[in-house]
N, C-alpha and C. Protein backbone atom coordinates (compact mmCIF):
# COMPACT_ATOMS: atom_id res chain seq x y z
N MET A 1 101.59 106.48 127.42
CA MET A 1 100.40 106.72 128.21
C MET A 1 99.18 106.68 127.31
N ALA A 2 98.18 105.94 127.70
CA ALA A 2 96.96 105.79 126.91
C ALA A 2 96.13 107.07 126.99
N SER A 3 95.46 107.37 125.90
CA SER A 3 94.58 108.53 125.86
C SER A 3 93.32 108.23 126.65
N ARG A 4 92.62 109.30 127.01
CA ARG A 4 91.38 109.08 127.73
C ARG A 4 90.35 108.42 126.81
N GLN A 5 89.47 107.69 127.41
CA GLN A 5 88.48 106.92 126.66
C GLN A 5 87.26 107.81 126.40
N THR A 6 87.22 108.43 125.22
CA THR A 6 86.08 109.27 124.86
C THR A 6 85.03 108.43 124.14
N ILE A 7 83.85 108.99 124.02
CA ILE A 7 82.77 108.30 123.29
C ILE A 7 83.19 108.09 121.84
N GLN A 8 83.79 109.11 121.22
CA GLN A 8 84.21 109.00 119.83
C GLN A 8 85.25 107.89 119.67
N ARG A 9 86.20 107.85 120.58
CA ARG A 9 87.25 106.82 120.53
C ARG A 9 86.63 105.43 120.62
N THR A 10 85.69 105.25 121.52
CA THR A 10 85.02 103.96 121.68
C THR A 10 84.26 103.58 120.42
N ILE A 11 83.54 104.54 119.85
CA ILE A 11 82.76 104.28 118.62
C ILE A 11 83.70 103.86 117.48
N ILE A 12 84.79 104.58 117.32
CA ILE A 12 85.73 104.31 116.22
C ILE A 12 86.40 102.96 116.42
N GLU A 13 86.88 102.68 117.61
CA GLU A 13 87.53 101.40 117.89
C GLU A 13 86.56 100.24 117.70
N ASP A 14 85.33 100.40 118.20
CA ASP A 14 84.31 99.36 118.05
C ASP A 14 83.99 99.11 116.57
N GLU A 15 83.97 100.17 115.78
CA GLU A 15 83.65 100.02 114.36
C GLU A 15 84.73 99.22 113.63
N VAL A 16 85.99 99.47 113.95
CA VAL A 16 87.08 98.69 113.33
C VAL A 16 86.92 97.22 113.69
N ARG A 17 86.59 96.94 114.95
CA ARG A 17 86.40 95.56 115.38
C ARG A 17 85.16 94.94 114.73
N THR A 18 84.10 95.71 114.57
CA THR A 18 82.88 95.21 113.93
C THR A 18 83.11 94.93 112.45
N LEU A 19 83.77 95.86 111.77
CA LEU A 19 84.05 95.66 110.34
C LEU A 19 84.94 94.44 110.14
N ALA A 20 85.96 94.31 110.96
CA ALA A 20 86.88 93.15 110.94
C ALA A 20 87.37 92.81 109.54
N ASN A 21 87.58 93.84 108.70
CA ASN A 21 88.01 93.58 107.33
C ASN A 21 89.17 94.47 106.91
N HIS A 22 89.96 94.91 107.89
CA HIS A 22 91.12 95.75 107.61
C HIS A 22 90.71 97.04 106.89
N PRO A 23 89.79 97.82 107.48
CA PRO A 23 89.31 99.02 106.78
C PRO A 23 90.34 100.14 106.75
N THR A 24 90.19 101.01 105.77
CA THR A 24 90.96 102.25 105.72
C THR A 24 90.26 103.26 106.63
N ALA A 25 90.92 104.38 106.88
CA ALA A 25 90.30 105.43 107.69
C ALA A 25 89.02 105.93 107.02
N ASP A 26 89.03 106.08 105.70
CA ASP A 26 87.83 106.52 104.99
C ASP A 26 86.69 105.51 105.14
N GLN A 27 87.00 104.23 105.10
CA GLN A 27 85.96 103.22 105.26
C GLN A 27 85.38 103.24 106.67
N VAL A 28 86.22 103.48 107.68
CA VAL A 28 85.72 103.60 109.05
C VAL A 28 84.82 104.82 109.15
N TYR A 29 85.27 105.93 108.60
CA TYR A 29 84.46 107.16 108.63
C TYR A 29 83.11 106.93 107.96
N ASP A 30 83.12 106.34 106.76
CA ASP A 30 81.87 106.08 106.04
C ASP A 30 80.93 105.19 106.86
N ALA A 31 81.49 104.21 107.56
CA ALA A 31 80.67 103.27 108.32
C ALA A 31 80.02 103.94 109.54
N ILE A 32 80.69 104.90 110.14
CA ILE A 32 80.12 105.51 111.35
C ILE A 32 79.36 106.80 111.07
N HIS A 33 79.60 107.43 109.92
CA HIS A 33 79.05 108.76 109.65
C HIS A 33 77.52 108.80 109.69
N GLU A 34 76.86 107.81 109.17
CA GLU A 34 75.39 107.84 109.13
C GLU A 34 74.79 107.83 110.53
N GLN A 35 75.34 106.99 111.42
CA GLN A 35 74.85 106.90 112.80
C GLN A 35 75.37 108.03 113.69
N HIS A 36 76.56 108.53 113.36
CA HIS A 36 77.22 109.54 114.21
C HIS A 36 77.78 110.67 113.34
N PRO A 37 76.90 111.48 112.74
CA PRO A 37 77.38 112.53 111.82
C PRO A 37 78.23 113.61 112.49
N SER A 38 78.20 113.69 113.81
CA SER A 38 79.00 114.71 114.49
C SER A 38 80.48 114.33 114.58
N ILE A 39 80.82 113.08 114.27
CA ILE A 39 82.22 112.65 114.30
C ILE A 39 82.84 112.99 112.95
N SER A 40 83.83 113.87 112.97
CA SER A 40 84.44 114.34 111.73
C SER A 40 85.45 113.33 111.20
N LYS A 41 85.77 113.51 109.93
CA LYS A 41 86.80 112.66 109.30
C LYS A 41 88.15 112.87 109.99
N ALA A 42 88.45 114.11 110.37
CA ALA A 42 89.71 114.40 111.06
C ALA A 42 89.78 113.65 112.39
N THR A 43 88.66 113.59 113.10
CA THR A 43 88.62 112.86 114.37
C THR A 43 88.88 111.38 114.14
N VAL A 44 88.30 110.82 113.08
CA VAL A 44 88.52 109.40 112.76
C VAL A 44 90.00 109.17 112.47
N TYR A 45 90.59 109.99 111.63
CA TYR A 45 92.01 109.83 111.29
C TYR A 45 92.90 109.95 112.53
N ARG A 46 92.68 111.01 113.33
CA ARG A 46 93.48 111.20 114.54
C ARG A 46 93.34 110.03 115.50
N THR A 47 92.12 109.58 115.69
CA THR A 47 91.85 108.50 116.64
C THR A 47 92.46 107.19 116.17
N LEU A 48 92.34 106.87 114.88
CA LEU A 48 92.94 105.64 114.36
C LEU A 48 94.46 105.69 114.51
N ASN A 49 95.05 106.83 114.22
CA ASN A 49 96.50 106.98 114.38
C ASN A 49 96.90 106.79 115.83
N ARG A 50 96.15 107.39 116.74
CA ARG A 50 96.47 107.28 118.17
C ARG A 50 96.29 105.83 118.63
N LEU A 51 95.21 105.18 118.22
CA LEU A 51 94.98 103.78 118.62
C LEU A 51 96.08 102.87 118.11
N SER A 52 96.58 103.13 116.90
CA SER A 52 97.67 102.29 116.39
C SER A 52 98.98 102.63 117.10
N ASP A 53 99.22 103.90 117.39
CA ASP A 53 100.43 104.28 118.14
C ASP A 53 100.45 103.65 119.53
N GLU A 54 99.27 103.49 120.14
CA GLU A 54 99.15 102.91 121.48
C GLU A 54 99.11 101.38 121.46
N GLY A 55 99.05 100.78 120.26
CA GLY A 55 99.01 99.33 120.17
C GLY A 55 97.63 98.72 120.31
N GLN A 56 96.59 99.54 120.29
CA GLN A 56 95.22 99.04 120.39
C GLN A 56 94.74 98.50 119.05
N LEU A 57 95.28 99.04 117.98
CA LEU A 57 95.01 98.60 116.60
C LEU A 57 96.35 98.44 115.90
N LEU A 58 96.36 97.62 114.88
CA LEU A 58 97.56 97.44 114.06
C LEU A 58 97.39 98.23 112.77
N ARG A 59 98.35 99.08 112.47
CA ARG A 59 98.33 99.81 111.19
C ARG A 59 98.97 98.89 110.16
N VAL A 60 98.25 98.64 109.08
CA VAL A 60 98.75 97.80 108.00
C VAL A 60 99.12 98.74 106.85
N LYS A 61 100.41 98.93 106.66
CA LYS A 61 100.88 99.81 105.60
C LYS A 61 100.85 99.03 104.29
N ILE A 62 100.11 99.55 103.34
CA ILE A 62 99.94 98.90 102.05
C ILE A 62 100.81 99.61 101.02
N ASN A 63 101.62 98.83 100.31
CA ASN A 63 102.46 99.41 99.26
C ASN A 63 101.58 100.14 98.25
N ASN A 64 101.90 101.39 97.98
CA ASN A 64 101.18 102.20 97.00
C ASN A 64 99.69 102.32 97.29
N GLY A 65 99.32 102.35 98.56
CA GLY A 65 97.90 102.47 98.91
C GLY A 65 97.71 103.06 100.29
N ALA A 66 96.47 103.27 100.65
CA ALA A 66 96.13 103.83 101.96
C ALA A 66 96.41 102.80 103.05
N ASP A 67 96.77 103.29 104.22
CA ASP A 67 96.93 102.41 105.37
C ASP A 67 95.58 101.80 105.73
N HIS A 68 95.62 100.57 106.20
CA HIS A 68 94.44 99.87 106.70
C HIS A 68 94.65 99.64 108.18
N PHE A 69 93.58 99.33 108.90
CA PHE A 69 93.67 99.13 110.34
C PHE A 69 93.10 97.77 110.70
N ASP A 70 93.82 97.07 111.57
CA ASP A 70 93.48 95.70 111.95
C ASP A 70 93.24 95.65 113.45
N HIS A 71 92.15 95.04 113.85
CA HIS A 71 91.86 94.92 115.28
C HIS A 71 92.68 93.80 115.92
N GLN A 72 93.29 92.96 115.12
CA GLN A 72 94.15 91.89 115.64
C GLN A 72 95.58 92.41 115.66
N THR A 73 96.14 92.57 116.85
CA THR A 73 97.43 93.25 116.98
C THR A 73 98.62 92.31 117.09
N PHE A 74 98.40 91.01 117.06
CA PHE A 74 99.54 90.09 117.12
C PHE A 74 100.28 90.12 115.78
N THR A 75 101.53 89.68 115.78
CA THR A 75 102.35 89.71 114.57
C THR A 75 101.81 88.69 113.56
N HIS A 76 101.46 89.17 112.38
CA HIS A 76 100.99 88.31 111.30
C HIS A 76 101.12 89.06 109.98
N TYR A 77 100.93 88.34 108.90
CA TYR A 77 101.11 88.90 107.56
C TYR A 77 99.76 89.14 106.89
N HIS A 78 99.82 89.91 105.80
CA HIS A 78 98.60 90.29 105.08
C HIS A 78 98.77 90.06 103.57
N VAL A 79 97.63 89.91 102.91
CA VAL A 79 97.59 89.79 101.46
C VAL A 79 96.62 90.84 100.93
N ARG A 80 97.01 91.48 99.82
CA ARG A 80 96.20 92.53 99.21
C ARG A 80 95.78 92.10 97.81
N CYS A 81 94.50 92.26 97.52
CA CYS A 81 94.00 91.95 96.17
C CYS A 81 94.41 93.08 95.24
N THR A 82 95.07 92.74 94.16
CA THR A 82 95.53 93.74 93.20
C THR A 82 94.39 94.24 92.31
N GLU A 83 93.23 93.58 92.39
CA GLU A 83 92.08 93.99 91.60
C GLU A 83 91.18 94.96 92.37
N CYS A 84 90.75 94.57 93.57
CA CYS A 84 89.77 95.37 94.33
C CYS A 84 90.35 96.06 95.56
N GLY A 85 91.57 95.72 95.95
CA GLY A 85 92.20 96.35 97.09
C GLY A 85 91.90 95.72 98.44
N ARG A 86 91.10 94.66 98.44
CA ARG A 86 90.76 93.96 99.69
C ARG A 86 92.04 93.51 100.40
N VAL A 87 92.05 93.55 101.73
CA VAL A 87 93.20 93.12 102.53
C VAL A 87 92.71 92.04 103.50
N ASP A 88 93.45 90.94 103.57
CA ASP A 88 93.11 89.84 104.46
C ASP A 88 94.35 89.39 105.22
N ASP A 89 94.12 88.67 106.32
CA ASP A 89 95.20 88.04 107.06
C ASP A 89 95.70 86.82 106.31
N VAL A 90 96.99 86.52 106.47
CA VAL A 90 97.57 85.29 105.94
C VAL A 90 98.09 84.51 107.14
N SER A 91 97.52 83.35 107.36
CA SER A 91 97.89 82.54 108.52
C SER A 91 99.02 81.59 108.16
N VAL A 92 100.22 82.14 108.10
CA VAL A 92 101.43 81.35 107.90
C VAL A 92 102.37 81.70 109.04
N PRO A 93 103.30 80.81 109.35
CA PRO A 93 104.24 81.11 110.44
C PRO A 93 105.04 82.39 110.16
N VAL A 94 105.19 83.21 111.19
CA VAL A 94 105.99 84.43 111.07
C VAL A 94 107.46 84.02 111.00
N LEU A 95 108.19 84.66 110.10
CA LEU A 95 109.60 84.35 109.90
C LEU A 95 110.40 84.94 111.05
N GLY A 96 110.58 84.18 112.10
CA GLY A 96 111.18 84.67 113.34
C GLY A 96 112.64 85.04 113.25
N THR A 97 113.43 84.37 112.42
CA THR A 97 114.86 84.65 112.38
C THR A 97 115.25 85.59 111.24
N ILE A 98 114.30 86.03 110.46
CA ILE A 98 114.63 86.86 109.30
C ILE A 98 115.24 88.20 109.72
N ASP A 99 114.80 88.76 110.86
CA ASP A 99 115.37 90.03 111.31
C ASP A 99 116.86 89.90 111.62
N SER A 100 117.22 88.85 112.33
CA SER A 100 118.65 88.68 112.67
C SER A 100 119.46 88.36 111.42
N GLU A 101 118.90 87.60 110.49
CA GLU A 101 119.61 87.31 109.24
C GLU A 101 119.83 88.58 108.43
N ALA A 102 118.79 89.42 108.36
CA ALA A 102 118.92 90.69 107.63
C ALA A 102 119.94 91.60 108.30
N ALA A 103 119.97 91.60 109.63
CA ALA A 103 120.95 92.41 110.36
C ALA A 103 122.37 91.95 110.05
N LYS A 104 122.58 90.63 110.00
CA LYS A 104 123.92 90.10 109.72
C LYS A 104 124.44 90.54 108.35
N VAL A 105 123.60 90.46 107.34
CA VAL A 105 124.06 90.76 105.98
C VAL A 105 124.05 92.24 105.65
N SER A 106 123.27 93.05 106.38
CA SER A 106 123.16 94.46 106.04
C SER A 106 123.95 95.39 106.95
N GLY A 107 124.23 94.92 108.17
CA GLY A 107 124.87 95.80 109.14
C GLY A 107 123.89 96.71 109.86
N TYR A 108 122.63 96.64 109.51
CA TYR A 108 121.60 97.45 110.17
C TYR A 108 121.21 96.83 111.50
N ALA A 109 120.74 97.66 112.42
CA ALA A 109 120.09 97.17 113.64
C ALA A 109 118.61 97.07 113.29
N ILE A 110 118.17 95.90 112.90
CA ILE A 110 116.80 95.70 112.42
C ILE A 110 115.83 95.82 113.58
N THR A 111 114.78 96.63 113.38
CA THR A 111 113.77 96.83 114.42
C THR A 111 112.46 96.12 114.10
N GLY A 112 112.39 95.48 112.94
CA GLY A 112 111.17 94.76 112.56
C GLY A 112 111.07 94.67 111.05
N HIS A 113 110.05 93.96 110.61
CA HIS A 113 109.83 93.85 109.17
C HIS A 113 108.34 93.70 108.90
N THR A 114 107.97 93.96 107.67
CA THR A 114 106.60 93.72 107.21
C THR A 114 106.70 92.85 105.96
N LEU A 115 105.66 92.12 105.74
CA LEU A 115 105.60 91.28 104.55
C LEU A 115 104.18 91.37 104.01
N GLN A 116 104.06 91.81 102.78
CA GLN A 116 102.76 91.93 102.14
C GLN A 116 102.74 91.03 100.91
N PHE A 117 101.78 90.15 100.87
CA PHE A 117 101.57 89.33 99.68
C PHE A 117 100.59 90.07 98.79
N ASP A 118 100.74 89.94 97.49
CA ASP A 118 99.81 90.51 96.52
C ASP A 118 99.24 89.37 95.70
N GLY A 119 97.98 89.48 95.35
CA GLY A 119 97.34 88.46 94.54
C GLY A 119 95.93 88.88 94.18
N ILE A 120 95.16 87.95 93.69
CA ILE A 120 93.77 88.21 93.31
C ILE A 120 92.88 87.41 94.25
N CYS A 121 91.98 88.10 94.95
CA CYS A 121 91.14 87.47 95.96
C CYS A 121 90.14 86.50 95.32
N PRO A 122 89.60 85.59 96.12
CA PRO A 122 88.63 84.62 95.58
C PRO A 122 87.44 85.28 94.90
N SER A 123 86.95 86.38 95.43
CA SER A 123 85.80 87.06 94.84
C SER A 123 86.13 87.60 93.45
N CYS A 124 87.28 88.23 93.31
CA CYS A 124 87.69 88.75 92.00
C CYS A 124 87.99 87.62 91.02
N GLN A 125 88.54 86.51 91.52
CA GLN A 125 88.77 85.35 90.66
C GLN A 125 87.44 84.83 90.12
N ALA A 126 86.43 84.77 90.99
CA ALA A 126 85.11 84.27 90.58
C ALA A 126 84.48 85.20 89.55
N LYS A 127 84.61 86.52 89.77
CA LYS A 127 84.07 87.49 88.80
C LYS A 127 84.75 87.33 87.44
N ALA A 128 86.08 87.16 87.46
CA ALA A 128 86.82 87.01 86.19
C ALA A 128 86.42 85.72 85.48
N ALA A 129 86.24 84.65 86.25
CA ALA A 129 85.84 83.38 85.65
C ALA A 129 84.44 83.49 85.05
N LYS A 130 83.53 84.17 85.75
CA LYS A 130 82.16 84.34 85.25
C LYS A 130 82.17 85.19 83.98
N ALA A 131 82.95 86.27 83.98
CA ALA A 131 83.04 87.12 82.80
C ALA A 131 83.62 86.36 81.62
N SER A 132 84.63 85.55 81.89
CA SER A 132 85.25 84.75 80.84
C SER A 132 84.27 83.73 80.27
N ALA A 133 83.51 83.10 81.15
CA ALA A 133 82.51 82.11 80.71
C ALA A 133 81.42 82.78 79.89
N GLN A 134 80.98 83.97 80.30
CA GLN A 134 79.95 84.68 79.54
C GLN A 134 80.47 85.11 78.18
N LEU A 135 81.72 85.51 78.12
CA LEU A 135 82.32 85.90 76.86
C LEU A 135 82.41 84.70 75.92
N ALA A 136 82.82 83.57 76.45
CA ALA A 136 82.94 82.35 75.65
C ALA A 136 81.57 81.89 75.16
N HIS A 137 80.57 82.04 76.01
CA HIS A 137 79.22 81.62 75.67
C HIS A 137 78.58 82.52 74.60
N SER A 138 78.95 83.81 74.62
CA SER A 138 78.34 84.76 73.67
C SER A 138 79.13 84.91 72.39
N ALA A 139 80.27 84.24 72.29
CA ALA A 139 81.08 84.34 71.07
C ALA A 139 80.34 83.67 69.91
N PRO A 140 80.39 84.29 68.74
CA PRO A 140 79.72 83.69 67.58
C PRO A 140 80.38 82.36 67.17
N THR A 141 79.56 81.43 66.76
CA THR A 141 80.07 80.13 66.30
C THR A 141 79.95 80.06 64.79
N ASP A 142 80.86 79.35 64.18
CA ASP A 142 80.85 79.24 62.71
C ASP A 142 80.11 78.02 62.28
C-alpha cells in the first residue's frame, strides 16, 4: 500500500528526479535544506527508504559506500567512480539468464542480482591527465 502523498514526500521525490545523478540521502537533504529547512534529515532518510520500498525510486546499493537513489526504476546496471564516488547508469543489456544459471549451480532460489562496475569517471580521468601534464611541464630539464 502506497503512503499518503505529503508535501515533504513530493519535495523529496521531485529533488531526486531533478538531481538525476543517483544522489545519496545526504545529498538529497543538502539539496533541499536551503529551500525547505523544516524538512529534517530523518524525514529525508525515512521518505527515501519508503519510496524505494514502494518501487517509486530504485535503491542502488554501493559496495563499501552509502546507498544511492535512482529515479529510473527499470532494471539496469551502475558504475561507480573509485576516485570521486560518482554513480552513473550503464546502458548494457541486462543478463537475463544469469539468475537461472546461478540457481542451477548453487542450489539457491535466486530472487535477483545486482551488478556494479567500478572504474574512473571521465571527469577524474581528465583531472588526472591535466595533473600529469602539469607535472611533466614543470619538471626540471637538464
